[in-house]
Amino acid sequence: MNIDRAVLAFAGMMVLASVALVYFVSPWWLLLTAFVGLNLLQSSVTGFCPAAMVFRKLGLPGGCAFK
């Protein structure tokens, strides 16, 4: 697994977790979904992704998007 796939997997898990939290806890958890979406959009434009930095420090190899 490389950084690109790890970032996508992490974003997907966060979205699914927020959907479960919206269903079982409160609709306010939609803010988490919005944050994940905005972070994905921002990282696609700027190339800066905090999650990619964490995965790099954990030793994952770089991919096409996050070198």
N, C-alpha and C. Protein backbone atom coordinates (compact mmCIF):
# COMPACT_ATOMS: atom_id res chain seq x y z
N MET A 1 0.85 -1.18 0.00
CA MET A 1 0.00 0.00 0.00
C MET A 1 0.89 1.23 0.00
N ASN A 2 0.54 2.21 -0.82
CA ASN A 2 1.30 3.45 -0.85
C ASN A 2 0.47 4.58 -0.21
N ILE A 3 1.06 5.76 -0.17
CA ILE A 3 0.41 6.90 0.50
C ILE A 3 -0.91 7.25 -0.17
N ASP A 4 -0.95 7.22 -1.49
CA ASP A 4 -2.19 7.58 -2.21
C ASP A 4 -3.35 6.69 -1.78
N ARG A 5 -3.12 5.40 -1.76
CA ARG A 5 -4.18 4.47 -1.39
C ARG A 5 -4.55 4.60 0.08
N ALA A 6 -3.55 4.87 0.91
CA ALA A 6 -3.82 5.02 2.35
C ALA A 6 -4.68 6.26 2.60
N VAL A 7 -4.40 7.36 1.91
CA VAL A 7 -5.20 8.57 2.07
C VAL A 7 -6.63 8.33 1.61
N LEU A 8 -6.80 7.68 0.48
CA LEU A 8 -8.15 7.39 -0.01
C LEU A 8 -8.89 6.44 0.93
N ALA A 9 -8.20 5.43 1.45
CA ALA A 9 -8.83 4.50 2.39
C ALA A 9 -9.22 5.21 3.67
N PHE A 10 -8.36 6.08 4.17
CA PHE A 10 -8.65 6.82 5.39
C PHE A 10 -9.84 7.75 5.19
N ALA A 11 -9.88 8.45 4.05
CA ALA A 11 -11.01 9.34 3.76
C ALA A 11 -12.31 8.54 3.66
N GLY A 12 -12.26 7.40 3.01
CA GLY A 12 -13.44 6.56 2.90
C GLY A 12 -13.93 6.06 4.24
N MET A 13 -13.00 5.66 5.10
CA MET A 13 -13.39 5.21 6.44
C MET A 13 -14.01 6.35 7.25
N MET A 14 -13.46 7.55 7.11
CA MET A 14 -14.01 8.70 7.84
C MET A 14 -15.42 9.03 7.36
N VAL A 15 -15.66 8.95 6.07
CA VAL A 15 -17.00 9.23 5.54
C VAL A 15 -17.98 8.17 6.03
N LEU A 16 -17.60 6.91 5.97
CA LEU A 16 -18.49 5.84 6.45
C LEU A 16 -18.74 5.96 7.95
N ALA A 17 -17.72 6.32 8.71
CA ALA A 17 -17.91 6.51 10.15
C ALA A 17 -18.86 7.67 10.42
N SER A 18 -18.72 8.75 9.66
CA SER A 18 -19.61 9.89 9.88
C SER A 18 -21.05 9.55 9.50
N VAL A 19 -21.24 8.72 8.47
CA VAL A 19 -22.60 8.30 8.10
C VAL A 19 -23.21 7.50 9.25
N ALA A 20 -22.45 6.60 9.84
CA ALA A 20 -22.95 5.82 10.97
C ALA A 20 -23.25 6.73 12.16
N LEU A 21 -22.39 7.70 12.41
CA LEU A 21 -22.62 8.62 13.52
C LEU A 21 -23.84 9.50 13.29
N VAL A 22 -24.07 9.90 12.04
CA VAL A 22 -25.28 10.67 11.72
C VAL A 22 -26.52 9.84 12.00
N TYR A 23 -26.49 8.58 11.61
CA TYR A 23 -27.65 7.70 11.76
C TYR A 23 -27.93 7.39 13.23
N PHE A 24 -26.87 7.09 14.00
CA PHE A 24 -27.05 6.62 15.37
C PHE A 24 -26.96 7.71 16.43
N VAL A 25 -26.28 8.84 16.15
CA VAL A 25 -26.03 9.82 17.21
C VAL A 25 -26.71 11.15 16.94
N SER A 26 -26.24 11.85 15.89
CA SER A 26 -26.75 13.21 15.66
C SER A 26 -26.45 13.64 14.23
N PRO A 27 -27.35 14.43 13.64
CA PRO A 27 -27.08 14.95 12.30
C PRO A 27 -25.90 15.93 12.23
N TRP A 28 -25.48 16.40 13.37
CA TRP A 28 -24.33 17.32 13.39
C TRP A 28 -23.04 16.65 12.90
N TRP A 29 -23.01 15.33 12.89
CA TRP A 29 -21.83 14.62 12.39
C TRP A 29 -21.64 14.79 10.89
N LEU A 30 -22.63 15.37 10.20
CA LEU A 30 -22.44 15.69 8.78
C LEU A 30 -21.32 16.70 8.59
N LEU A 31 -21.02 17.45 9.63
CA LEU A 31 -19.89 18.38 9.56
C LEU A 31 -18.57 17.64 9.33
N LEU A 32 -18.45 16.44 9.89
CA LEU A 32 -17.25 15.63 9.66
C LEU A 32 -17.16 15.24 8.19
N THR A 33 -18.27 14.85 7.60
CA THR A 33 -18.29 14.51 6.18
C THR A 33 -17.89 15.72 5.33
N ALA A 34 -18.42 16.88 5.68
CA ALA A 34 -18.08 18.10 4.95
C ALA A 34 -16.60 18.42 5.09
N PHE A 35 -16.04 18.24 6.29
CA PHE A 35 -14.62 18.50 6.51
C PHE A 35 -13.75 17.57 5.66
N VAL A 36 -14.11 16.29 5.62
CA VAL A 36 -13.34 15.33 4.83
C VAL A 36 -13.40 15.70 3.34
N GLY A 37 -14.59 16.05 2.86
CA GLY A 37 -14.73 16.44 1.47
C GLY A 37 -13.94 17.70 1.14
N LEU A 38 -14.00 18.70 2.02
CA LEU A 38 -13.23 19.93 1.78
C LEU A 38 -11.74 19.68 1.82
N ASN A 39 -11.30 18.79 2.72
CA ASN A 39 -9.88 18.47 2.79
C ASN A 39 -9.42 17.75 1.53
N LEU A 40 -10.25 16.85 1.00
CA LEU A 40 -9.89 16.17 -0.26
C LEU A 40 -9.81 17.17 -1.42
N LEU A 41 -10.76 18.08 -1.47
CA LEU A 41 -10.74 19.11 -2.52
C LEU A 41 -9.52 20.01 -2.38
N GLN A 42 -9.24 20.45 -1.18
CA GLN A 42 -8.10 21.32 -0.93
C GLN A 42 -6.79 20.61 -1.29
N SER A 43 -6.65 19.35 -0.92
CA SER A 43 -5.40 18.65 -1.23
C SER A 43 -5.24 18.38 -2.72
N SER A 44 -6.35 18.25 -3.44
CA SER A 44 -6.24 18.06 -4.89
C SER A 44 -5.77 19.33 -5.58
N VAL A 45 -6.11 20.48 -5.02
CA VAL A 45 -5.71 21.75 -5.63
C VAL A 45 -4.30 22.16 -5.21
N THR A 46 -3.99 22.02 -3.91
CA THR A 46 -2.72 22.53 -3.41
C THR A 46 -1.63 21.47 -3.31
N GLY A 47 -2.02 20.21 -3.20
CA GLY A 47 -1.02 19.15 -3.02
C GLY A 47 -0.62 18.95 -1.57
N PHE A 48 -1.20 19.73 -0.65
CA PHE A 48 -0.89 19.62 0.78
C PHE A 48 -1.96 18.79 1.46
N CYS A 49 -1.53 17.71 2.11
CA CYS A 49 -2.48 16.83 2.80
C CYS A 49 -1.85 16.38 4.12
N PRO A 50 -2.42 16.80 5.24
CA PRO A 50 -1.86 16.39 6.53
C PRO A 50 -1.84 14.87 6.72
N ALA A 51 -2.86 14.17 6.24
CA ALA A 51 -2.88 12.72 6.37
C ALA A 51 -1.72 12.09 5.60
N ALA A 52 -1.40 12.62 4.43
CA ALA A 52 -0.27 12.09 3.65
C ALA A 52 1.04 12.29 4.41
N MET A 53 1.15 13.41 5.11
CA MET A 53 2.37 13.65 5.89
C MET A 53 2.50 12.63 7.02
N VAL A 54 1.39 12.29 7.66
CA VAL A 54 1.41 11.31 8.74
C VAL A 54 1.77 9.93 8.19
N PHE A 55 1.15 9.56 7.07
CA PHE A 55 1.45 8.25 6.48
C PHE A 55 2.90 8.17 6.01
N ARG A 56 3.46 9.27 5.53
CA ARG A 56 4.86 9.28 5.12
C ARG A 56 5.76 9.04 6.33
N LYS A 57 5.43 9.69 7.46
CA LYS A 57 6.23 9.48 8.67
C LYS A 57 6.10 8.06 9.21
N LEU A 58 4.99 7.41 8.89
CA LEU A 58 4.81 6.01 9.30
C LEU A 58 5.56 5.04 8.39
N GLY A 59 6.16 5.56 7.31
CA GLY A 59 7.01 4.73 6.46
C GLY A 59 6.38 4.20 5.20
N LEU A 60 5.18 4.68 4.84
CA LEU A 60 4.58 4.21 3.61
C LEU A 60 5.30 4.83 2.41
N PRO A 61 5.46 4.07 1.33
CA PRO A 61 6.11 4.64 0.14
C PRO A 61 5.20 5.63 -0.57
N GLY A 62 5.81 6.60 -1.23
CA GLY A 62 5.05 7.61 -1.96
C GLY A 62 4.36 7.02 -3.17
N GLY A 63 3.29 7.69 -3.58
CA GLY A 63 2.56 7.29 -4.78
C GLY A 63 2.66 8.38 -5.83
N CYS A 64 1.75 8.37 -6.77
CA CYS A 64 1.76 9.36 -7.85
C CYS A 64 1.38 10.76 -7.35
N ALA A 65 0.38 10.83 -6.48
CA ALA A 65 -0.12 12.13 -6.04
C ALA A 65 0.73 12.75 -4.94
N PHE A 66 1.18 11.96 -4.00
CA PHE A 66 1.95 12.47 -2.86
C PHE A 66 3.34 11.88 -2.88
N LYS A 67 4.28 12.60 -3.47
CA LYS A 67 5.66 12.12 -3.59
C LYS A 67 6.52 12.70 -2.51
